[in-house]
Amino acid sequence: MQESKGKAEPRPHVLTIEEKKRVTVTGVESVTAFSPQQISLALDNGRMTITGNNFRVTAFSKANGTFSADGAVTGVKYGSLS
């Protein structure tokens, strides 16, 4: 049996927005910033910024790589790791 060297495979990334009121993201490594108007997430393969109003984190699991928040979602922006 061979051991894999280097970084592990990135987890699959899925973004779900329900009726512009609830957001769920998988493949999340960490929450890098949070305010009622903006959420910044580090994904396994990049960054994501979610904008809106009245955000409230409802769940985050670093072990599972899942994140959920309620609020009025107005935009999503992806970025690179650099």
N, C-alpha and C. Protein backbone atom coordinates (compact mmCIF):
# COMPACT_ATOMS: atom_id res chain seq x y z
N MET A 1 0.85 -1.18 0.00
CA MET A 1 0.00 0.00 0.00
C MET A 1 0.89 1.24 0.00
N GLN A 2 0.64 2.16 -0.95
CA GLN A 2 1.44 3.37 -1.03
C GLN A 2 0.74 4.52 -0.33
N GLU A 3 1.55 5.34 0.32
CA GLU A 3 1.00 6.53 0.96
C GLU A 3 1.03 7.68 -0.02
N SER A 4 0.00 8.49 0.00
CA SER A 4 -0.06 9.67 -0.84
C SER A 4 0.78 10.77 -0.21
N LYS A 5 1.61 11.41 -1.03
CA LYS A 5 2.43 12.51 -0.53
C LYS A 5 1.84 13.82 -1.00
N GLY A 6 2.01 14.86 -0.21
CA GLY A 6 1.49 16.16 -0.57
C GLY A 6 0.11 16.40 0.02
N LYS A 7 -0.53 17.44 -0.51
CA LYS A 7 -1.84 17.85 0.01
C LYS A 7 -2.93 16.87 -0.42
N ALA A 8 -3.89 16.67 0.46
CA ALA A 8 -5.02 15.79 0.17
C ALA A 8 -5.87 16.38 -0.95
N GLU A 9 -6.64 15.53 -1.59
CA GLU A 9 -7.55 15.97 -2.64
C GLU A 9 -8.55 16.98 -2.06
N PRO A 10 -8.86 18.04 -2.82
CA PRO A 10 -9.86 18.99 -2.34
C PRO A 10 -11.24 18.31 -2.20
N ARG A 11 -11.97 18.73 -1.18
CA ARG A 11 -13.33 18.22 -1.01
C ARG A 11 -14.21 18.83 -2.10
N PRO A 12 -15.24 18.11 -2.51
CA PRO A 12 -16.17 18.68 -3.49
C PRO A 12 -16.78 19.96 -2.94
N HIS A 13 -16.99 20.92 -3.84
CA HIS A 13 -17.57 22.21 -3.46
C HIS A 13 -18.97 22.31 -4.04
N VAL A 14 -19.93 22.61 -3.17
CA VAL A 14 -21.32 22.82 -3.60
C VAL A 14 -21.84 24.07 -2.90
N LEU A 15 -22.49 24.94 -3.67
CA LEU A 15 -23.13 26.14 -3.14
C LEU A 15 -24.62 26.02 -3.39
N THR A 16 -25.42 26.16 -2.33
CA THR A 16 -26.87 26.14 -2.46
C THR A 16 -27.43 27.41 -1.84
N ILE A 17 -28.25 28.13 -2.61
CA ILE A 17 -28.94 29.31 -2.10
C ILE A 17 -30.43 29.04 -2.21
N GLU A 18 -31.11 29.06 -1.07
CA GLU A 18 -32.55 28.78 -1.03
C GLU A 18 -33.33 30.09 -0.93
N GLU A 19 -34.08 30.40 -1.99
CA GLU A 19 -34.95 31.57 -2.03
C GLU A 19 -34.26 32.86 -1.60
N LYS A 20 -32.97 32.97 -1.87
CA LYS A 20 -32.15 34.13 -1.50
C LYS A 20 -32.18 34.43 -0.01
N LYS A 21 -32.54 33.41 0.82
CA LYS A 21 -32.65 33.62 2.27
C LYS A 21 -31.74 32.71 3.08
N ARG A 22 -31.22 31.65 2.48
CA ARG A 22 -30.38 30.70 3.21
C ARG A 22 -29.29 30.21 2.27
N VAL A 23 -28.06 30.17 2.77
CA VAL A 23 -26.93 29.71 1.96
C VAL A 23 -26.26 28.54 2.67
N THR A 24 -25.92 27.51 1.90
CA THR A 24 -25.19 26.35 2.41
C THR A 24 -24.03 26.10 1.47
N VAL A 25 -22.84 25.90 2.04
CA VAL A 25 -21.63 25.69 1.24
C VAL A 25 -20.89 24.48 1.78
N THR A 26 -20.38 23.63 0.88
CA THR A 26 -19.51 22.52 1.28
C THR A 26 -18.12 22.77 0.70
N GLY A 27 -17.13 22.06 1.20
CA GLY A 27 -15.76 22.26 0.76
C GLY A 27 -15.10 23.45 1.43
N VAL A 28 -15.61 23.84 2.61
CA VAL A 28 -15.13 25.02 3.34
C VAL A 28 -14.01 24.63 4.31
N GLU A 29 -12.89 25.34 4.23
CA GLU A 29 -11.79 25.13 5.18
C GLU A 29 -11.95 26.02 6.41
N SER A 30 -12.36 27.29 6.19
CA SER A 30 -12.51 28.20 7.33
C SER A 30 -13.38 29.39 6.95
N VAL A 31 -13.89 30.06 7.99
CA VAL A 31 -14.61 31.32 7.83
C VAL A 31 -13.56 32.39 8.11
N THR A 32 -13.19 33.17 7.08
CA THR A 32 -12.11 34.15 7.26
C THR A 32 -12.61 35.50 7.74
N ALA A 33 -13.89 35.81 7.49
CA ALA A 33 -14.48 37.06 7.98
C ALA A 33 -15.99 36.91 7.98
N PHE A 34 -16.62 37.62 8.92
CA PHE A 34 -18.07 37.58 9.00
C PHE A 34 -18.60 38.89 9.55
N SER A 35 -19.64 39.40 8.91
CA SER A 35 -20.40 40.54 9.43
C SER A 35 -21.84 40.33 8.98
N PRO A 36 -22.78 41.14 9.49
CA PRO A 36 -24.16 40.98 9.04
C PRO A 36 -24.34 41.25 7.53
N GLN A 37 -23.35 41.89 6.88
CA GLN A 37 -23.45 42.21 5.46
C GLN A 37 -22.54 41.36 4.56
N GLN A 38 -21.59 40.63 5.12
CA GLN A 38 -20.64 39.89 4.28
C GLN A 38 -20.05 38.69 5.00
N ILE A 39 -19.90 37.60 4.24
CA ILE A 39 -19.26 36.38 4.75
C ILE A 39 -18.13 36.02 3.80
N SER A 40 -16.93 35.82 4.33
CA SER A 40 -15.79 35.40 3.53
C SER A 40 -15.36 34.01 3.97
N LEU A 41 -15.27 33.10 3.00
CA LEU A 41 -14.92 31.70 3.28
C LEU A 41 -13.67 31.30 2.51
N ALA A 42 -12.81 30.51 3.16
CA ALA A 42 -11.69 29.87 2.46
C ALA A 42 -12.16 28.47 2.09
N LEU A 43 -12.15 28.19 0.79
CA LEU A 43 -12.54 26.88 0.29
C LEU A 43 -11.28 26.03 0.07
N ASP A 44 -11.46 24.77 -0.16
CA ASP A 44 -10.31 23.90 -0.44
C ASP A 44 -9.57 24.35 -1.71
N ASN A 45 -10.27 25.01 -2.63
CA ASN A 45 -9.64 25.37 -3.90
C ASN A 45 -9.80 26.85 -4.25
N GLY A 46 -10.04 27.72 -3.28
CA GLY A 46 -10.18 29.15 -3.55
C GLY A 46 -10.87 29.87 -2.41
N ARG A 47 -11.42 31.02 -2.73
CA ARG A 47 -12.13 31.83 -1.74
C ARG A 47 -13.52 32.17 -2.26
N MET A 48 -14.43 32.47 -1.34
CA MET A 48 -15.79 32.86 -1.69
C MET A 48 -16.22 33.99 -0.77
N THR A 49 -16.84 35.01 -1.35
CA THR A 49 -17.41 36.10 -0.57
C THR A 49 -18.90 36.17 -0.89
N ILE A 50 -19.71 36.13 0.14
CA ILE A 50 -21.16 36.20 0.01
C ILE A 50 -21.59 37.54 0.59
N THR A 51 -22.35 38.32 -0.20
CA THR A 51 -22.81 39.62 0.28
C THR A 51 -24.33 39.61 0.45
N GLY A 52 -24.79 40.51 1.34
CA GLY A 52 -26.22 40.59 1.60
C GLY A 52 -26.49 41.39 2.86
N ASN A 53 -27.54 41.01 3.56
CA ASN A 53 -27.96 41.72 4.77
C ASN A 53 -28.46 40.74 5.82
N ASN A 54 -28.27 41.13 7.07
CA ASN A 54 -28.81 40.39 8.22
C ASN A 54 -28.34 38.93 8.28
N PHE A 55 -27.07 38.69 7.92
CA PHE A 55 -26.54 37.33 7.98
C PHE A 55 -26.42 36.86 9.42
N ARG A 56 -26.72 35.57 9.60
CA ARG A 56 -26.57 34.90 10.88
C ARG A 56 -26.08 33.49 10.58
N VAL A 57 -24.91 33.13 11.13
CA VAL A 57 -24.37 31.79 10.93
C VAL A 57 -25.24 30.79 11.67
N THR A 58 -25.68 29.75 10.97
CA THR A 58 -26.52 28.73 11.60
C THR A 58 -25.74 27.43 11.83
N ALA A 59 -24.65 27.22 11.07
CA ALA A 59 -23.84 26.01 11.27
C ALA A 59 -22.49 26.17 10.59
N PHE A 60 -21.46 25.61 11.23
CA PHE A 60 -20.14 25.50 10.61
C PHE A 60 -19.43 24.30 11.22
N SER A 61 -18.92 23.42 10.35
CA SER A 61 -18.14 22.28 10.79
C SER A 61 -16.86 22.22 9.98
N LYS A 62 -15.75 22.53 10.62
CA LYS A 62 -14.46 22.45 9.95
C LYS A 62 -14.15 21.01 9.56
N ALA A 63 -14.52 20.05 10.41
CA ALA A 63 -14.25 18.63 10.14
C ALA A 63 -14.97 18.16 8.88
N ASN A 64 -16.23 18.59 8.71
CA ASN A 64 -17.01 18.17 7.54
C ASN A 64 -16.89 19.14 6.37
N GLY A 65 -16.40 20.35 6.64
CA GLY A 65 -16.27 21.35 5.58
C GLY A 65 -17.59 21.96 5.16
N THR A 66 -18.55 22.03 6.10
CA THR A 66 -19.86 22.58 5.78
C THR A 66 -20.11 23.90 6.51
N PHE A 67 -20.84 24.79 5.85
CA PHE A 67 -21.17 26.10 6.40
C PHE A 67 -22.59 26.45 5.98
N SER A 68 -23.37 27.05 6.90
CA SER A 68 -24.72 27.51 6.59
C SER A 68 -24.96 28.84 7.27
N ALA A 69 -25.74 29.70 6.60
CA ALA A 69 -26.13 30.98 7.17
C ALA A 69 -27.49 31.38 6.63
N ASP A 70 -28.23 32.14 7.44
CA ASP A 70 -29.50 32.73 7.03
C ASP A 70 -29.28 34.22 6.83
N GLY A 71 -30.06 34.82 5.95
CA GLY A 71 -29.99 36.25 5.68
C GLY A 71 -30.42 36.51 4.25
N ALA A 72 -30.42 37.77 3.86
CA ALA A 72 -30.81 38.15 2.51
C ALA A 72 -29.58 38.15 1.61
N VAL A 73 -29.45 37.15 0.76
CA VAL A 73 -28.28 37.01 -0.13
C VAL A 73 -28.47 37.89 -1.36
N THR A 74 -27.47 38.76 -1.63
CA THR A 74 -27.53 39.61 -2.82
C THR A 74 -26.42 39.31 -3.81
N GLY A 75 -25.37 38.60 -3.40
CA GLY A 75 -24.30 38.30 -4.35
C GLY A 75 -23.31 37.28 -3.82
N VAL A 76 -22.62 36.64 -4.78
CA VAL A 76 -21.57 35.68 -4.47
C VAL A 76 -20.40 35.96 -5.40
N LYS A 77 -19.20 35.99 -4.86
CA LYS A 77 -18.00 36.24 -5.66
C LYS A 77 -16.96 35.19 -5.31
N TYR A 78 -16.34 34.63 -6.35
CA TYR A 78 -15.27 33.65 -6.15
C TYR A 78 -13.92 34.33 -6.39
N GLY A 79 -12.89 33.82 -5.71
CA GLY A 79 -11.54 34.32 -5.89
C GLY A 79 -10.55 33.19 -5.78
N SER A 80 -9.31 33.47 -6.15
CA SER A 80 -8.26 32.44 -6.06
C SER A 80 -7.65 32.43 -4.67
N LEU A 81 -6.81 31.43 -4.42
CA LEU A 81 -6.16 31.31 -3.11
C LEU A 81 -5.11 32.38 -2.87
N SER A 82 -4.55 32.94 -3.91
CA SER A 82 -3.46 33.92 -3.75
C SER A 82 -3.93 35.25 -3.26
